[in-house]
Amino acid sequence: MAICKDLINNEILHLVIVGHVDHGKSTVIGRLLCDTNSLPLGKLENLKKQCKNNSKIFEYAFLLDALKDEQSQGITIDTARVFFQSKNRKYLILDAPGHIEFLKNMVSGAAKAEAALLVIDAFEGVQENTKRHAYILSLLGVKQIAIVINKMDLIDYSESKYHQIVKEMGSFLKKLDITAQNYIPISAFYGENLILKSSQMSWYQGESILSQLDSFEANQALENLDLRLPVQDIYKFTNFGDQERLIVGSILSGQLKVDDEIHFYPSGKKTKVQSIPQYPNQQKLIGKTGESIAFTMSEQIYISRGELVVKATDKPPQVSSSILVNLFYMGCDLISLGDEFDFKIMSSKVKAKLIEIKNIFDSSNLTSIKRKTVKENDIVECILELSEPIAFDCHSSHPLSSRFVIVKNYEICGGGNIKSKVESTNSKQIDQKIKRNLKWENSQITKRDRSLKYNQESKLILITGPKDSGKKPLAKKIEKELFEQGKFVYFLGIGNVLYGVDADIKSGTDNRAEHLRRYFEVLYLLLDTGLIVVTTVIDLSDSEIEQLKVGLGDVEVVRLEQVST
């Protein structure tokens, strides 16, 4: 079969294939590759020859062996990525594992899927793991799903058995608010209903697998959504005195154009896209959904990994440090209230604590369970408290930017989506900071103008350490030396803020967050004037210093600890 050169929009559809172990996922893909001539020349013949020489029965699934020991174990133990083409378009197919202990791989494998095939063995029927796979697909927001009922040859292509499976699976999917686009009866090994309609099942009038794949919609719908671009990294080039920053990341949805005004969340910073460079010496005018791009900013603001880029004209994401989530738990250890783990969403990573369990469901039948602890394969509706605010969308409005995983002991132990933000004690402060940055009135004099005029970059020199460790004398000495060098510099002790701006609030640990917020705001104003600010404060934690850096903008923080006179 010759591949057509004029593919529809040259589009690529990301497809995940899931199902219980040994239900034939890899065989389906292997047979598709063979029947569409998508294999390298001689690959099939060489594999058949190897099987014959080793007295081993040939299986199409062997074409997808991603690991050396996979054939001997007889299970797919890694998410295999396969490029494949029909006459109409290209596909990136993800063959996700079926064993419960490997579901964590499927979560990462299915995370970028636009459509899914859920494979069921006609002889074995619907299994518990089949339902768990269906739930995870719904959790990830995959709406385009077709059910593939494989191994029909083992039940003599029985129409009644086919309808029995359709009824059982359809009833379960209805609970998940999912409607399968098709239920396709096939025999992957014999190629029945894969490319062409099967003569063995004349009673079936629906699509073949290939026809069904071509009917799925690719990511045009994502391009019509608001821009969502998680910041993966920031590169800064300073060899020749250039302060330009290059922001890099992959576009989840929408488009980014040169001259677009953009906002960063959760910080609330704003700037314009100056350029979208391409290696080695080219420029783009637009970045599209699915592309990994780099762009420069018209104003060099301080941005950190994990920020979410949104166009100023688009609907902003939610920002919160307390969230209501649906969680599919896959860890071996029980978890209960107060337990902590790493929380990863898009390119952001924070600490999370389980503070409330609202409901627990059995993933095999979605029945409610009354229990105070969460165990493996439980579905949990719960509230998580995060160590710092994150930007996200609710699952109902934008599934791609609501998906997350949790990690404990360096292993993924669960995944899910965010239902909504939960109001917390710092919600008001978070909203105020974002509003301050978005509403900030910029002067006609840019930071770059001030830097060139003053012959210096605005910087914060932060000296922190235990009480009576000599912080203030050192800070004042640095201020004097910089002043004598002709620098525009100012010393600010936290006491200057505590007994002035903070005079209306009591001192003590209960008010520490508000003291620091006001202290950071004063620093923000001073740094915006182009000054070098030297300041002292007792024992700032790592998280407080990170909040300081994100909140203050384009500054560098020098942290000195355990200072002695």
Protein backbone atom coordinates (compact mmCIF):
# COMPACT_ATOMS: atom_id res chain seq x y z
CA MET A 1 0.00 0.00 0.00
CA ALA A 2 1.55 3.30 -1.09
CA ILE A 3 1.39 6.18 1.35
CA CYS A 4 -0.38 9.22 -0.08
CA LYS A 5 1.84 12.31 -0.20
CA ASP A 6 -0.99 14.79 0.32
CA LEU A 7 -2.05 14.02 3.88
CA ILE A 8 -4.93 15.98 5.43
CA ASN A 9 -3.24 19.16 6.73
CA ASN A 10 -0.17 16.98 7.40
CA GLU A 11 -1.77 16.48 10.83
CA ILE A 12 -0.67 14.00 13.49
CA LEU A 13 -3.15 12.34 15.82
CA HIS A 14 -1.88 11.08 19.20
CA LEU A 15 -3.57 7.77 19.97
CA VAL A 16 -3.25 5.58 23.06
CA ILE A 17 -4.15 1.88 22.98
CA VAL A 18 -5.05 0.36 26.36
CA GLY A 19 -6.54 -2.79 27.79
CA HIS A 20 -6.11 -5.69 30.18
CA VAL A 21 -2.96 -7.83 29.89
CA ASP A 22 -2.97 -10.31 26.97
CA HIS A 23 -6.09 -8.82 25.41
CA GLY A 24 -4.07 -8.08 22.27
CA LYS A 25 -3.10 -4.40 22.22
CA SER A 26 0.36 -4.96 20.76
CA THR A 27 -1.01 -7.46 18.25
CA VAL A 28 -3.49 -4.87 16.98
CA ILE A 29 -0.67 -2.37 16.40
CA GLY A 30 1.66 -4.95 14.88
CA ARG A 31 -0.98 -6.07 12.41
CA LEU A 32 -1.84 -2.47 11.48
CA LEU A 33 1.83 -1.80 10.75
CA CYS A 34 2.02 -4.88 8.53
CA ASP A 35 -1.22 -4.33 6.63
CA THR A 36 -0.43 -0.68 5.84
CA ASN A 37 3.17 -1.38 4.77
CA SER A 38 4.45 0.85 7.58
CA LEU A 39 7.27 -1.54 8.60
CA PRO A 40 10.90 -1.17 7.47
CA LEU A 41 11.70 -3.30 4.45
CA GLY A 42 12.34 -6.91 5.42
CA LYS A 43 11.44 -6.40 9.10
CA LEU A 44 8.50 -8.82 9.11
CA GLU A 45 10.33 -11.52 7.17
CA ASN A 46 13.39 -11.31 9.45
CA LEU A 47 11.24 -11.59 12.57
CA LYS A 48 9.39 -14.63 11.22
CA LYS A 49 12.73 -16.22 10.36
CA GLN A 50 14.06 -15.59 13.89
CA CYS A 51 10.95 -17.16 15.41
CA LYS A 52 11.32 -20.22 13.17
CA ASN A 53 15.02 -20.62 14.02
CA ASN A 54 14.19 -20.42 17.74
CA SER A 55 11.22 -22.80 17.44
CA LYS A 56 8.97 -20.00 18.58
CA ILE A 57 5.45 -19.25 17.31
CA PHE A 58 5.38 -15.90 15.51
CA GLU A 59 3.25 -13.14 17.05
CA TYR A 60 2.61 -9.68 15.60
CA ALA A 61 3.10 -8.26 19.09
CA PHE A 62 6.83 -9.05 18.81
CA LEU A 63 7.12 -6.08 16.44
CA LEU A 64 6.62 -3.75 19.39
CA ASP A 65 9.13 -5.22 21.79
CA ALA A 66 10.67 -2.14 23.38
CA LEU A 67 12.78 -3.94 26.00
CA LYS A 68 15.15 -6.87 25.60
CA ASP A 69 13.39 -9.17 28.04
CA GLU A 70 9.85 -8.33 26.92
CA GLN A 71 9.29 -11.39 24.72
CA SER A 72 10.34 -13.79 27.48
CA GLN A 73 7.99 -12.14 29.97
CA GLY A 74 5.15 -11.95 27.49
CA ILE A 75 3.94 -8.53 28.63
CA THR A 76 4.48 -4.98 27.42
CA ILE A 77 6.38 -3.30 30.24
CA ASP A 78 7.01 0.14 28.80
CA THR A 79 4.88 2.61 26.91
CA ALA A 80 5.97 1.97 23.29
CA ARG A 81 5.69 4.86 20.82
CA VAL A 82 5.02 3.89 17.21
CA PHE A 83 4.76 6.18 14.20
CA PHE A 84 2.22 5.03 11.66
CA GLN A 85 0.48 6.41 8.56
CA SER A 86 -2.84 5.85 6.84
CA LYS A 87 -3.77 7.37 3.48
CA ASN A 88 -5.26 10.34 5.30
CA ARG A 89 -2.80 11.29 8.03
CA LYS A 90 0.00 10.41 10.44
CA TYR A 91 -0.37 8.81 13.86
CA LEU A 92 1.72 8.58 16.98
CA ILE A 93 0.45 5.44 18.69
CA LEU A 94 1.15 4.74 22.35
CA ASP A 95 0.90 1.07 23.36
CA ALA A 96 0.18 1.37 27.09
CA PRO A 97 0.70 -1.56 29.49
CA GLY A 98 -2.13 -3.57 30.97
CA HIS A 99 -0.86 -4.85 34.32
CA ILE A 100 -2.05 -2.96 37.40
CA GLU A 101 1.52 -2.38 38.59
CA PHE A 102 2.32 -0.68 35.28
CA LEU A 103 -0.69 1.67 35.22
CA LYS A 104 1.63 4.49 36.24
CA ASN A 105 3.32 4.18 32.84
CA MET A 106 -0.04 4.42 31.15
CA VAL A 107 -0.80 7.66 32.99
CA SER A 108 2.30 9.27 31.48
CA GLY A 109 1.72 7.54 28.14
CA ALA A 110 -1.89 8.62 27.82
CA ALA A 111 -1.32 12.16 29.04
CA LYS A 112 -0.95 13.57 25.50
CA ALA A 113 -3.46 11.31 23.78
CA GLU A 114 -6.28 12.86 21.75
CA ALA A 115 -8.09 9.55 21.21
CA ALA A 116 -8.00 5.99 22.55
CA LEU A 117 -8.71 2.39 21.62
CA LEU A 118 -9.72 0.22 24.58
CA VAL A 119 -9.07 -3.44 23.72
CA ILE A 120 -11.19 -6.24 25.25
CA ASP A 121 -10.63 -9.98 24.79
CA ALA A 122 -13.92 -11.40 23.43
CA PHE A 123 -13.28 -14.73 25.16
CA GLU A 124 -12.37 -13.32 28.59
CA GLY A 125 -14.75 -10.38 28.45
CA VAL A 126 -14.65 -7.18 30.54
CA GLN A 127 -12.12 -7.37 33.40
CA GLU A 128 -11.57 -5.17 36.46
CA ASN A 129 -8.48 -3.69 34.86
CA THR A 130 -10.49 -2.91 31.72
CA LYS A 131 -12.72 -0.68 33.82
CA ARG A 132 -9.73 0.91 35.54
CA HIS A 133 -8.24 1.79 32.17
CA ALA A 134 -11.56 3.34 31.13
CA TYR A 135 -11.65 5.41 34.32
CA ILE A 136 -8.09 6.67 33.80
CA LEU A 137 -8.97 7.72 30.25
CA SER A 138 -11.91 9.71 31.63
CA LEU A 139 -9.64 11.13 34.35
CA LEU A 140 -7.25 12.37 31.67
CA GLY A 141 -10.07 13.90 29.66
CA VAL A 142 -9.75 11.63 26.61
CA LYS A 143 -13.20 11.93 25.01
CA GLN A 144 -12.68 10.16 21.67
CA ILE A 145 -12.79 6.46 22.54
CA ALA A 146 -13.57 3.35 20.52
CA ILE A 147 -13.94 -0.10 22.10
CA VAL A 148 -12.11 -2.88 20.21
CA ILE A 149 -13.45 -6.38 20.93
CA ASN A 150 -10.51 -8.58 19.91
CA LYS A 151 -10.05 -12.33 19.43
CA MET A 152 -13.51 -12.83 17.96
CA ASP A 153 -12.11 -15.95 16.28
CA LEU A 154 -11.95 -17.63 19.72
CA ILE A 155 -15.75 -17.36 20.09
CA ASP A 156 -16.54 -18.23 16.45
CA TYR A 157 -17.35 -14.58 15.67
CA SER A 158 -20.44 -14.75 17.92
CA GLU A 159 -22.77 -11.79 17.50
CA SER A 160 -24.58 -12.50 20.79
CA LYS A 161 -21.32 -12.48 22.79
CA TYR A 162 -20.35 -9.22 21.06
CA HIS A 163 -23.63 -7.56 22.10
CA GLN A 164 -23.19 -8.84 25.67
CA ILE A 165 -19.81 -7.10 25.96
CA VAL A 166 -21.21 -3.94 24.34
CA LYS A 167 -24.01 -3.81 26.90
CA GLU A 168 -21.73 -4.38 29.92
CA MET A 169 -19.07 -1.89 28.84
CA GLY A 170 -21.60 0.69 27.71
CA SER A 171 -23.29 0.60 31.12
CA PHE A 172 -19.96 1.25 32.89
CA LEU A 173 -18.90 4.03 30.52
CA LYS A 174 -22.23 5.78 31.11
CA LYS A 175 -21.29 6.16 34.79
CA LEU A 176 -18.13 7.93 33.63
CA ASP A 177 -20.13 10.23 31.32
CA ILE A 178 -18.36 8.68 28.31
CA THR A 179 -19.95 7.49 25.08
CA ALA A 180 -17.83 5.17 22.95
CA GLN A 181 -17.86 6.23 19.29
CA ASN A 182 -17.85 2.59 18.17
CA TYR A 183 -17.60 -1.02 19.33
CA ILE A 184 -15.48 -2.81 16.71
CA PRO A 185 -15.34 -6.64 16.66
CA ILE A 186 -11.99 -7.85 15.27
CA SER A 187 -9.50 -10.66 15.08
CA ALA A 188 -6.15 -8.88 15.12
CA PHE A 189 -4.11 -12.00 14.41
CA TYR A 190 -6.12 -12.84 11.27
CA GLY A 191 -6.60 -9.20 10.25
CA GLU A 192 -10.40 -9.24 10.44
CA ASN A 193 -11.93 -5.72 10.52
CA LEU A 194 -8.57 -3.97 10.83
CA ILE A 195 -8.19 -2.43 7.38
CA LEU A 196 -11.16 -3.84 5.46
CA LYS A 197 -14.58 -5.06 6.55
CA SER A 198 -14.61 -8.72 7.63
CA SER A 199 -16.49 -11.40 5.68
CA GLN A 200 -16.55 -13.46 8.90
CA MET A 201 -18.80 -10.89 10.62
CA SER A 202 -21.32 -9.83 7.98
CA TRP A 203 -23.73 -8.97 10.82
CA TYR A 204 -21.47 -6.02 11.81
CA GLN A 205 -22.16 -2.89 9.72
CA GLY A 206 -19.82 -0.43 11.47
CA GLU A 207 -16.31 0.90 10.72
CA SER A 208 -13.06 -1.04 10.53
CA ILE A 209 -10.31 0.04 12.91
CA LEU A 210 -8.47 2.05 10.24
CA SER A 211 -11.67 3.83 9.17
CA GLN A 212 -12.45 4.61 12.82
CA LEU A 213 -8.96 6.03 13.39
CA ASP A 214 -9.31 8.31 10.37
CA SER A 215 -12.65 9.58 11.72
CA PHE A 216 -11.10 10.78 15.00
CA GLU A 217 -10.45 14.53 15.14
CA ALA A 218 -6.89 15.70 15.60
CA ASN A 219 -5.80 18.68 17.67
CA GLN A 220 -7.51 21.46 15.69
CA ALA A 221 -9.92 21.78 18.61
CA LEU A 222 -6.94 22.47 20.91
CA GLU A 223 -5.71 25.24 18.64
CA ASN A 224 -9.05 26.99 19.10
CA LEU A 225 -8.72 26.98 22.89
CA ASP A 226 -7.00 29.68 24.96
CA LEU A 227 -3.21 29.67 24.95
CA ARG A 228 -1.62 27.43 27.56
CA LEU A 229 2.18 27.21 27.46
CA PRO A 230 3.96 25.83 30.57
CA VAL A 231 7.45 27.29 31.01
CA GLN A 232 9.89 24.38 30.84
CA ASP A 233 13.11 26.38 31.24
CA ILE A 234 14.70 29.81 30.93
CA TYR A 235 18.02 30.45 29.24
CA LYS A 236 19.94 33.64 29.91
CA PHE A 237 22.89 34.73 27.75
CA THR A 238 25.30 37.17 29.42
CA ASN A 239 28.67 36.63 27.64
CA PHE A 240 28.50 39.96 25.83
CA GLY A 241 26.55 41.90 28.44
CA ASP A 242 23.23 40.82 26.94
CA GLN A 243 20.50 40.31 29.55
CA GLU A 244 18.06 38.68 27.11
CA ARG A 245 16.14 35.66 28.39
CA LEU A 246 14.89 32.83 26.20
CA ILE A 247 11.68 31.18 27.48
CA VAL A 248 11.11 27.61 26.28
CA GLY A 249 8.16 25.23 26.53
CA SER A 250 5.55 23.20 24.61
CA ILE A 251 2.23 24.73 23.58
CA LEU A 252 -0.62 22.67 25.05
CA SER A 253 -3.34 24.67 23.29
CA GLY A 254 -3.89 27.87 21.36
CA GLN A 255 -1.30 29.84 19.42
CA LEU A 256 1.47 32.32 20.29
CA LYS A 257 2.41 35.15 17.94
CA VAL A 258 5.10 37.81 17.86
CA ASP A 259 3.85 41.03 19.56
CA ASP A 260 1.24 39.13 21.63
CA GLU A 261 0.81 40.57 25.11
CA ILE A 262 1.20 37.68 27.55
CA HIS A 263 0.69 37.06 31.25
CA PHE A 264 2.55 34.58 33.43
CA TYR A 265 0.75 32.68 36.19
CA PRO A 266 0.88 32.26 39.18
CA SER A 267 3.20 35.32 39.40
CA GLY A 268 0.97 37.67 37.38
CA LYS A 269 3.93 39.13 35.44
CA LYS A 270 3.23 40.61 32.01
CA THR A 271 5.27 41.38 28.89
CA LYS A 272 5.12 41.08 25.09
CA VAL A 273 6.55 38.44 22.77
CA GLN A 274 9.50 40.04 21.00
CA SER A 275 10.56 37.13 18.78
CA ILE A 276 10.20 33.37 18.25
CA PRO A 277 13.70 32.27 17.14
CA GLN A 278 14.40 28.99 15.36
CA TYR A 279 17.72 27.19 15.14
CA PRO A 280 20.11 28.13 13.71
CA ASN A 281 19.32 31.66 12.43
CA GLN A 282 15.65 31.75 11.53
CA GLN A 283 12.58 33.45 13.00
CA LYS A 284 8.95 32.31 13.31
CA LEU A 285 5.92 34.56 13.47
CA ILE A 286 3.65 32.05 15.17
CA GLY A 287 3.89 28.99 17.44
CA LYS A 288 1.11 26.39 17.19
CA THR A 289 -0.45 23.75 19.43
CA GLY A 290 1.87 20.79 19.98
CA GLU A 291 5.04 22.66 19.06
CA SER A 292 8.02 23.10 21.37
CA ILE A 293 9.16 26.69 20.98
CA ALA A 294 11.41 29.37 22.41
CA PHE A 295 10.56 33.06 22.59
CA THR A 296 12.11 36.29 23.80
CA MET A 297 10.37 39.06 25.73
CA SER A 298 10.22 42.78 25.04
CA GLU A 299 10.95 43.40 28.74
CA GLN A 300 13.33 41.13 30.63
CA ILE A 301 11.27 40.11 33.67
CA TYR A 302 12.17 37.40 36.15
CA ILE A 303 10.29 34.17 35.39
CA SER A 304 10.78 30.71 36.87
CA ARG A 305 10.11 27.19 35.59
CA GLY A 306 6.52 26.13 36.17
CA GLU A 307 4.88 29.43 35.20
CA LEU A 308 1.97 29.17 32.76
CA VAL A 309 1.95 31.53 29.75
CA VAL A 310 -1.47 32.91 28.77
CA LYS A 311 -2.38 35.61 26.27
CA ALA A 312 -3.74 38.80 27.85
CA THR A 313 -6.93 38.48 25.79
CA ASP A 314 -7.57 34.86 26.87
CA LYS A 315 -9.40 33.63 29.93
CA PRO A 316 -6.89 33.40 32.80
CA PRO A 317 -6.26 30.12 34.61
CA GLN A 318 -7.13 29.46 38.24
CA VAL A 319 -4.42 30.14 40.84
CA SER A 320 -4.53 28.55 44.28
CA SER A 321 -2.59 26.61 46.89
CA SER A 322 -5.64 24.59 47.93
CA ILE A 323 -7.46 22.39 45.40
CA LEU A 324 -10.25 19.82 45.10
CA VAL A 325 -9.12 16.87 42.97
CA ASN A 326 -10.12 13.49 41.58
CA LEU A 327 -7.23 11.13 42.32
CA PHE A 328 -6.60 7.58 41.10
CA TYR A 329 -4.21 6.14 43.70
CA MET A 330 -1.73 3.46 42.57
CA GLY A 331 0.72 3.32 45.47
CA CYS A 332 1.41 0.18 47.52
CA ASP A 333 1.37 2.04 50.85
CA LEU A 334 -1.81 3.34 52.47
CA ILE A 335 -2.20 7.11 52.67
CA SER A 336 -4.26 9.08 55.16
CA LEU A 337 -4.89 12.65 56.30
CA GLY A 338 -1.69 14.64 56.80
CA ASP A 339 0.42 12.54 54.41
CA GLU A 340 2.68 14.51 52.05
CA PHE A 341 4.02 13.86 48.56
CA ASP A 342 5.32 15.69 45.49
CA PHE A 343 2.66 17.15 43.20
CA LYS A 344 3.50 17.63 39.49
CA ILE A 345 1.28 19.49 37.04
CA MET A 346 2.58 20.50 33.62
CA SER A 347 6.11 21.82 34.33
CA SER A 348 5.41 22.78 37.95
CA LYS A 349 6.42 20.73 41.00
CA VAL A 350 5.37 21.53 44.59
CA LYS A 351 4.76 19.71 47.86
CA ALA A 352 1.20 18.58 48.62
CA LYS A 353 -0.57 17.47 51.80
CA LEU A 354 -3.80 15.46 51.98
CA ILE A 355 -6.06 17.48 54.29
CA GLU A 356 -9.57 16.15 53.56
CA ILE A 357 -11.07 12.99 52.03
CA LYS A 358 -14.55 13.65 50.66
CA ASN A 359 -15.30 10.34 48.89
CA ILE A 360 -13.60 7.03 48.08
CA PHE A 361 -14.79 4.80 45.21
CA ASP A 362 -13.94 1.28 44.06
CA SER A 363 -12.35 1.74 40.61
CA SER A 364 -13.75 -1.57 39.29
CA ASN A 365 -17.44 -0.69 39.83
CA LEU A 366 -17.48 2.96 41.08
CA THR A 367 -19.31 2.04 44.29
CA SER A 368 -18.73 4.31 47.29
CA ILE A 369 -16.53 3.07 50.15
CA LYS A 370 -16.55 4.35 53.73
CA ARG A 371 -12.93 4.40 54.81
CA LYS A 372 -10.46 6.89 56.35
CA THR A 373 -7.43 5.58 54.50
CA VAL A 374 -6.70 5.34 50.77
CA LYS A 375 -5.31 2.12 49.30
CA GLU A 376 -4.12 0.93 45.90
CA ASN A 377 -6.61 1.34 43.02
CA ASP A 378 -8.93 3.61 45.02
CA ILE A 379 -10.57 6.60 43.34
CA VAL A 380 -10.53 9.53 45.75
CA GLU A 381 -12.23 12.91 45.76
CA CYS A 382 -10.10 14.93 48.15
CA ILE A 383 -8.63 18.33 49.04
CA LEU A 384 -4.87 18.90 48.73
CA GLU A 385 -2.96 21.75 50.34
CA LEU A 386 0.06 22.84 48.30
CA SER A 387 3.29 24.38 49.54
CA GLU A 388 2.88 27.27 47.09
CA PRO A 389 0.30 28.48 44.59
CA ILE A 390 0.05 26.85 41.16
CA ALA A 391 -1.69 27.85 37.93
CA PHE A 392 -4.19 25.38 36.48
CA ASP A 393 -7.55 24.99 34.76
CA CYS A 394 -10.50 23.02 36.03
CA HIS A 395 -11.00 19.67 34.33
CA SER A 396 -14.39 20.67 32.95
CA SER A 397 -12.95 23.64 31.02
CA HIS A 398 -9.46 22.52 29.96
CA PRO A 399 -8.41 18.91 30.73
CA LEU A 400 -4.78 19.28 29.54
CA SER A 401 -3.91 21.90 32.16
CA SER A 402 -5.81 20.13 34.95
CA ARG A 403 -3.93 16.79 34.85
CA PHE A 404 -1.41 15.95 37.54
CA VAL A 405 0.55 13.11 39.09
CA ILE A 406 1.69 12.59 42.67
CA VAL A 407 5.12 11.18 43.51
CA LYS A 408 6.35 9.49 46.67
CA ASN A 409 9.78 7.96 47.21
CA TYR A 410 10.71 8.96 43.64
CA GLU A 411 7.89 6.91 42.10
CA ILE A 412 4.58 7.97 40.57
CA CYS A 413 1.87 6.68 42.92
CA GLY A 414 -1.21 8.36 41.49
CA GLY A 415 -2.69 10.70 38.93
CA GLY A 416 -5.83 12.70 38.37
CA ASN A 417 -7.38 16.03 37.53
CA ILE A 418 -8.31 19.22 39.37
CA LYS A 419 -12.04 19.86 39.86
CA SER A 420 -11.81 23.33 41.40
CA LYS A 421 -9.87 25.69 43.64
CA VAL A 422 -10.65 25.78 47.35
CA GLU A 423 -10.67 29.07 49.24
CA SER A 424 -7.90 29.17 51.86
CA THR A 425 -6.31 31.63 54.28
CA ASN A 426 -3.86 32.92 51.65
CA SER A 427 -6.29 33.06 48.71
CA LYS A 428 -6.72 36.81 49.14
CA GLN A 429 -2.96 37.43 49.20
CA ILE A 430 -2.44 35.35 46.06
CA ASP A 431 -5.15 37.26 44.20
CA GLN A 432 -3.76 40.60 45.41
CA LYS A 433 -0.26 39.83 44.13
CA ILE A 434 -1.54 38.83 40.69
CA LYS A 435 -3.75 41.91 40.50
CA ARG A 436 -0.84 44.15 41.56
CA ASN A 437 1.40 42.81 38.79
CA LEU A 438 -1.26 42.91 36.08
CA LYS A 439 -2.41 46.43 37.04
CA TRP A 440 1.09 47.84 37.55
CA GLU A 441 1.51 51.19 35.81
CA ASN A 442 4.82 51.14 33.96
CA SER A 443 6.77 54.35 33.51
CA GLN A 444 7.91 55.57 30.10
CA ILE A 445 11.39 54.94 31.47
CA THR A 446 12.04 51.21 31.18
CA LYS A 447 14.20 49.15 33.49
CA ARG A 448 16.69 48.91 30.65
CA ASP A 449 16.78 52.72 30.37
CA ARG A 450 17.51 53.06 34.09
CA SER A 451 20.15 50.35 33.92
CA LEU A 452 22.01 52.16 31.12
CA LYS A 453 21.65 55.55 32.88
CA TYR A 454 22.85 54.28 36.26
CA ASN A 455 25.41 51.88 34.78
CA GLN A 456 24.11 49.09 37.00
CA GLU A 457 21.51 46.35 37.17
CA SER A 458 18.81 46.50 39.86
CA LYS A 459 19.76 43.86 42.42
CA LEU A 460 18.77 42.64 45.83
CA ILE A 461 21.49 41.60 48.26
CA LEU A 462 19.71 39.59 50.93
CA ILE A 463 21.58 38.76 54.12
CA THR A 464 19.82 36.25 56.32
CA GLY A 465 20.88 34.24 59.34
CA PRO A 466 20.36 33.78 63.08
CA LYS A 467 19.74 36.69 65.44
CA ASP A 468 22.84 38.67 66.51
CA SER A 469 25.00 37.10 63.78
CA GLY A 470 26.31 40.37 62.39
CA LYS A 471 23.94 40.81 59.49
CA LYS A 472 23.35 44.56 59.86
CA PRO A 473 27.02 45.64 60.20
CA LEU A 474 27.89 43.60 57.12
CA ALA A 475 24.95 45.03 55.15
CA LYS A 476 25.87 48.62 56.01
CA LYS A 477 29.50 48.00 55.08
CA ILE A 478 28.45 46.63 51.68
CA GLU A 479 26.18 49.64 51.16
CA LYS A 480 28.99 52.10 51.93
CA GLU A 481 31.53 50.38 49.67
CA LEU A 482 29.08 50.26 46.75
CA PHE A 483 28.16 53.92 47.31
CA GLU A 484 31.83 54.93 47.24
CA GLN A 485 32.13 53.05 43.93
CA GLY A 486 29.46 55.35 42.50
CA LYS A 487 26.56 52.90 42.70
CA PHE A 488 22.98 53.89 43.52
CA VAL A 489 22.43 51.76 46.61
CA TYR A 490 20.13 51.69 49.65
CA PHE A 491 20.15 49.70 52.91
CA LEU A 492 16.78 48.50 54.25
CA GLY A 493 16.53 46.74 57.57
CA ILE A 494 13.34 44.83 58.24
CA GLY A 495 12.91 46.90 61.40
CA ASN A 496 12.37 49.94 59.20
CA VAL A 497 9.30 48.16 57.83
CA LEU A 498 8.12 46.53 61.08
CA TYR A 499 7.83 49.84 62.95
CA GLY A 500 6.56 51.86 59.99
CA VAL A 501 4.47 50.14 57.31
CA ASP A 502 3.75 47.25 59.72
CA ALA A 503 2.90 49.40 62.74
CA ASP A 504 -0.75 48.39 62.58
CA ILE A 505 -0.14 44.62 62.99
CA LYS A 506 1.27 42.77 65.97
CA SER A 507 4.61 41.00 65.82
CA GLY A 508 4.74 37.21 66.15
CA THR A 509 4.69 34.04 64.08
CA ASP A 510 0.94 34.29 63.45
CA ASN A 511 1.46 37.46 61.42
CA ARG A 512 4.76 36.45 59.75
CA ALA A 513 3.16 35.96 56.31
CA GLU A 514 1.63 39.45 56.33
CA HIS A 515 4.87 41.04 57.67
CA LEU A 516 6.84 39.40 54.86
CA ARG A 517 4.24 40.36 52.24
CA ARG A 518 4.53 44.04 53.15
CA TYR A 519 8.31 43.79 53.41
CA PHE A 520 8.46 42.25 49.91
CA GLU A 521 6.19 45.00 48.53
CA VAL A 522 8.51 47.73 49.87
CA LEU A 523 11.48 45.93 48.30
CA TYR A 524 9.54 45.70 45.03
CA LEU A 525 9.06 49.48 44.94
CA LEU A 526 12.72 50.19 45.70
CA LEU A 527 13.98 47.74 43.09
CA ASP A 528 11.65 49.19 40.46
CA THR A 529 13.56 52.49 40.77
CA GLY A 530 16.75 50.75 39.59
CA LEU A 531 18.49 50.70 42.98
CA ILE A 532 20.78 48.08 44.41
CA VAL A 533 19.07 47.21 47.70
CA VAL A 534 20.90 45.64 50.63
CA THR A 535 18.57 44.15 53.22
CA THR A 536 18.65 41.94 56.29
CA VAL A 537 16.11 39.55 57.79
CA ILE A 538 16.25 36.75 60.34
CA ASP A 539 16.21 33.17 58.96
CA LEU A 540 14.19 33.19 55.76
CA SER A 541 13.33 29.65 54.67
CA ASP A 542 14.04 28.33 51.18
CA SER A 543 10.36 28.56 50.23
CA GLU A 544 10.16 32.17 51.50
CA ILE A 545 13.23 33.11 49.46
CA GLU A 546 11.68 31.51 46.36
CA GLN A 547 8.48 33.49 46.94
CA LEU A 548 10.63 36.60 47.30
CA LYS A 549 12.40 35.96 43.99
CA VAL A 550 9.19 35.27 42.08
CA GLY A 551 7.41 38.26 43.61
CA LEU A 552 10.13 40.87 43.10
CA GLY A 553 10.80 40.57 39.39
CA ASP A 554 14.06 40.88 37.49
CA VAL A 555 16.53 40.69 40.38
CA GLU A 556 19.18 38.34 41.59
CA VAL A 557 19.28 37.20 45.19
CA VAL A 558 22.55 36.63 47.02
CA ARG A 559 21.90 34.55 50.11
CA LEU A 560 24.44 34.64 52.96
CA GLU A 561 23.87 32.46 56.02
CA GLN A 562 25.50 32.03 59.40
CA VAL A 563 27.24 35.39 59.19
CA SER A 564 29.52 36.25 62.10
CA THR A 565 31.06 39.59 63.05
